[in-house]
């Protein structure tokens, strides 16, 4: 694998599939004593993970609206 003139590399499809590196996945590089470690960014989550459990304890539409507004 080569680094392009613009600093880009292509991750082989088999590795992208195995590790869930689909398009728009945020990644980060971590320096190690052996080189660079490429990993998915911990700050990024699946969109459903952001709303998982939002209905827990909600009994009315008003409570739901307040919950999705983050109040």
N, C-alpha and C. Protein backbone atom coordinates (compact mmCIF):
# COMPACT_ATOMS: atom_id res chain seq x y z
N UNK A 1 0.85 -1.16 0.00
CA UNK A 1 0.00 0.00 0.00
C UNK A 1 0.90 1.23 0.00
N UNK A 2 0.51 2.22 -0.75
CA UNK A 2 1.28 3.46 -0.83
C UNK A 2 0.45 4.63 -0.34
N UNK A 3 1.14 5.61 0.19
CA UNK A 3 0.50 6.87 0.55
C UNK A 3 0.55 7.76 -0.69
N UNK A 4 -0.60 8.30 -1.07
CA UNK A 4 -0.65 9.14 -2.27
C UNK A 4 0.00 10.48 -1.99
N UNK A 5 0.17 11.26 -3.04
CA UNK A 5 0.75 12.60 -2.94
C UNK A 5 -0.05 13.48 -1.98
N UNK A 6 -1.36 13.21 -1.89
CA UNK A 6 -2.23 14.00 -1.01
C UNK A 6 -2.36 13.37 0.38
N UNK A 7 -1.58 12.35 0.68
CA UNK A 7 -1.60 11.73 2.01
C UNK A 7 -2.71 10.71 2.19
N UNK A 8 -3.24 10.18 1.10
CA UNK A 8 -4.35 9.23 1.18
C UNK A 8 -3.87 7.80 1.00
N UNK A 9 -4.59 6.88 1.67
CA UNK A 9 -4.37 5.45 1.47
C UNK A 9 -5.72 4.80 1.25
N UNK A 10 -5.73 3.66 0.60
CA UNK A 10 -6.96 2.91 0.40
C UNK A 10 -6.94 1.70 1.31
N UNK A 11 -7.96 1.60 2.16
CA UNK A 11 -8.09 0.44 3.04
C UNK A 11 -8.76 -0.66 2.22
N UNK A 12 -8.15 -1.84 2.13
CA UNK A 12 -8.74 -2.92 1.34
C UNK A 12 -10.16 -3.25 1.80
N UNK A 13 -11.02 -3.59 0.84
CA UNK A 13 -12.44 -3.85 1.13
C UNK A 13 -12.62 -4.94 2.18
N UNK A 14 -11.82 -5.98 2.13
CA UNK A 14 -11.97 -7.06 3.11
C UNK A 14 -11.77 -6.54 4.53
N UNK A 15 -10.82 -5.64 4.72
CA UNK A 15 -10.58 -5.06 6.04
C UNK A 15 -11.67 -4.06 6.43
N UNK A 16 -12.13 -3.27 5.45
CA UNK A 16 -13.23 -2.33 5.74
C UNK A 16 -14.47 -3.09 6.18
N UNK A 17 -14.79 -4.19 5.49
CA UNK A 17 -15.96 -4.99 5.85
C UNK A 17 -15.78 -5.64 7.22
N UNK A 18 -14.62 -6.19 7.46
CA UNK A 18 -14.36 -6.90 8.72
C UNK A 18 -14.47 -5.97 9.93
N UNK A 19 -14.01 -4.73 9.80
CA UNK A 19 -13.96 -3.81 10.93
C UNK A 19 -15.03 -2.71 10.88
N UNK A 20 -15.98 -2.83 9.92
CA UNK A 20 -17.08 -1.86 9.85
C UNK A 20 -16.65 -0.47 9.48
N UNK A 21 -15.66 -0.36 8.63
CA UNK A 21 -15.17 0.95 8.19
C UNK A 21 -15.88 1.35 6.90
N UNK A 22 -17.19 1.63 7.04
CA UNK A 22 -17.98 2.03 5.89
C UNK A 22 -17.75 3.52 5.61
N UNK A 23 -18.36 4.01 4.54
CA UNK A 23 -18.18 5.42 4.21
C UNK A 23 -18.69 6.30 5.35
N UNK A 24 -18.09 7.44 5.50
CA UNK A 24 -18.42 8.44 6.53
C UNK A 24 -18.11 8.01 7.95
N UNK A 25 -17.33 6.95 8.14
CA UNK A 25 -16.91 6.56 9.48
C UNK A 25 -15.74 7.45 9.88
N UNK A 26 -15.84 8.07 11.04
CA UNK A 26 -14.75 8.90 11.54
C UNK A 26 -13.67 8.00 12.13
N UNK A 27 -12.43 8.28 11.79
CA UNK A 27 -11.31 7.51 12.31
C UNK A 27 -10.30 8.45 12.95
N UNK A 28 -9.44 7.87 13.76
CA UNK A 28 -8.35 8.65 14.34
C UNK A 28 -7.07 7.83 14.27
N UNK A 29 -5.97 8.53 14.21
CA UNK A 29 -4.66 7.90 14.19
C UNK A 29 -4.02 8.08 15.56
N UNK A 30 -3.47 7.00 16.08
CA UNK A 30 -2.81 7.04 17.38
C UNK A 30 -1.36 6.61 17.20
N UNK A 31 -0.42 7.49 17.53
CA UNK A 31 0.99 7.11 17.41
C UNK A 31 1.34 6.02 18.44
N UNK A 32 2.07 5.02 18.00
CA UNK A 32 2.55 3.96 18.90
C UNK A 32 4.05 3.82 18.69
N UNK A 33 4.68 2.99 19.48
CA UNK A 33 6.12 2.80 19.30
C UNK A 33 6.45 2.07 18.01
N UNK A 34 5.44 1.43 17.40
CA UNK A 34 5.66 0.68 16.16
C UNK A 34 5.17 1.41 14.91
N UNK A 35 4.52 2.56 15.07
CA UNK A 35 4.00 3.29 13.93
C UNK A 35 2.69 3.97 14.27
N UNK A 36 1.75 3.95 13.34
CA UNK A 36 0.45 4.57 13.55
C UNK A 36 -0.63 3.50 13.67
N UNK A 37 -1.54 3.70 14.62
CA UNK A 37 -2.69 2.81 14.79
C UNK A 37 -3.91 3.55 14.29
N UNK A 38 -4.61 2.97 13.33
CA UNK A 38 -5.84 3.55 12.78
C UNK A 38 -7.01 2.88 13.49
N UNK A 39 -7.92 3.70 14.07
CA UNK A 39 -9.08 3.12 14.73
C UNK A 39 -10.27 4.03 14.57
N UNK A 40 -11.46 3.43 14.74
CA UNK A 40 -12.68 4.23 14.68
C UNK A 40 -12.66 5.22 15.83
N UNK A 41 -13.16 6.40 15.55
CA UNK A 41 -13.21 7.43 16.57
C UNK A 41 -14.23 7.03 17.64
N UNK A 42 -13.85 7.12 18.90
CA UNK A 42 -14.74 6.75 20.00
C UNK A 42 -15.86 7.76 20.16
N UNK A 43 -15.67 8.98 19.71
CA UNK A 43 -16.67 10.03 19.90
C UNK A 43 -17.86 9.86 18.96
N UNK A 44 -17.68 9.11 17.89
CA UNK A 44 -18.75 8.96 16.91
C UNK A 44 -19.53 7.69 17.21
N UNK A 45 -20.84 7.80 17.18
CA UNK A 45 -21.69 6.65 17.42
C UNK A 45 -22.72 6.53 16.30
N UNK A 46 -23.35 5.39 16.25
CA UNK A 46 -24.42 5.17 15.29
C UNK A 46 -25.58 6.11 15.66
N UNK A 47 -26.27 6.68 14.68
CA UNK A 47 -27.35 7.62 14.99
C UNK A 47 -28.40 7.05 15.94
N UNK A 48 -28.68 5.75 15.87
CA UNK A 48 -29.67 5.15 16.77
C UNK A 48 -29.18 5.10 18.20
N UNK A 49 -27.85 5.03 18.40
CA UNK A 49 -27.33 5.00 19.76
C UNK A 49 -27.59 6.31 20.49
N UNK A 50 -27.72 7.41 19.73
CA UNK A 50 -27.98 8.70 20.36
C UNK A 50 -29.39 8.82 20.92
N UNK A 51 -30.33 8.02 20.39
CA UNK A 51 -31.71 8.10 20.87
C UNK A 51 -32.16 6.83 21.58
N UNK A 52 -31.28 5.85 21.70
CA UNK A 52 -31.65 4.60 22.35
C UNK A 52 -32.10 4.87 23.79
N UNK A 53 -33.25 4.35 24.15
CA UNK A 53 -33.76 4.50 25.50
C UNK A 53 -34.49 5.80 25.75
N UNK A 54 -34.72 6.60 24.72
CA UNK A 54 -35.34 7.91 24.92
C UNK A 54 -36.78 7.80 25.41
N UNK A 55 -37.46 6.67 25.11
CA UNK A 55 -38.85 6.51 25.53
C UNK A 55 -38.98 5.95 26.94
N UNK A 56 -37.88 5.57 27.52
CA UNK A 56 -37.91 4.97 28.85
C UNK A 56 -38.44 5.98 29.87
N UNK A 57 -39.52 5.63 30.55
CA UNK A 57 -40.09 6.48 31.58
C UNK A 57 -40.96 7.61 31.05
N UNK A 58 -41.27 7.62 29.76
CA UNK A 58 -42.09 8.68 29.17
C UNK A 58 -43.52 8.18 29.04
N UNK A 59 -44.45 8.92 29.63
CA UNK A 59 -45.85 8.49 29.65
C UNK A 59 -46.76 9.35 28.80
N UNK A 60 -46.29 10.49 28.32
CA UNK A 60 -47.17 11.37 27.54
C UNK A 60 -46.41 11.98 26.38
N UNK A 61 -47.17 12.54 25.45
CA UNK A 61 -46.58 13.22 24.30
C UNK A 61 -45.76 14.42 24.74
N UNK A 62 -46.25 15.15 25.74
CA UNK A 62 -45.52 16.32 26.23
C UNK A 62 -44.16 15.91 26.79
N UNK A 63 -44.11 14.80 27.54
CA UNK A 63 -42.84 14.31 28.08
C UNK A 63 -41.91 13.90 26.95
N UNK A 64 -42.47 13.28 25.89
CA UNK A 64 -41.66 12.89 24.74
C UNK A 64 -41.04 14.11 24.08
N UNK A 65 -41.83 15.13 23.85
CA UNK A 65 -41.33 16.36 23.20
C UNK A 65 -40.22 16.99 24.03
N UNK A 66 -40.41 17.04 25.33
CA UNK A 66 -39.38 17.60 26.21
C UNK A 66 -38.11 16.75 26.13
N UNK A 67 -38.27 15.44 26.06
CA UNK A 67 -37.10 14.54 26.02
C UNK A 67 -36.31 14.72 24.74
N UNK A 68 -36.99 14.82 23.59
CA UNK A 68 -36.24 14.96 22.34
C UNK A 68 -35.63 16.34 22.17
N UNK A 69 -36.16 17.31 22.90
CA UNK A 69 -35.56 18.65 22.88
C UNK A 69 -34.40 18.75 23.86
N UNK A 70 -34.21 17.70 24.65
CA UNK A 70 -33.08 17.67 25.55
C UNK A 70 -33.28 18.46 26.83
N UNK A 71 -34.49 18.66 27.23
CA UNK A 71 -34.75 19.44 28.45
C UNK A 71 -34.94 18.55 29.63
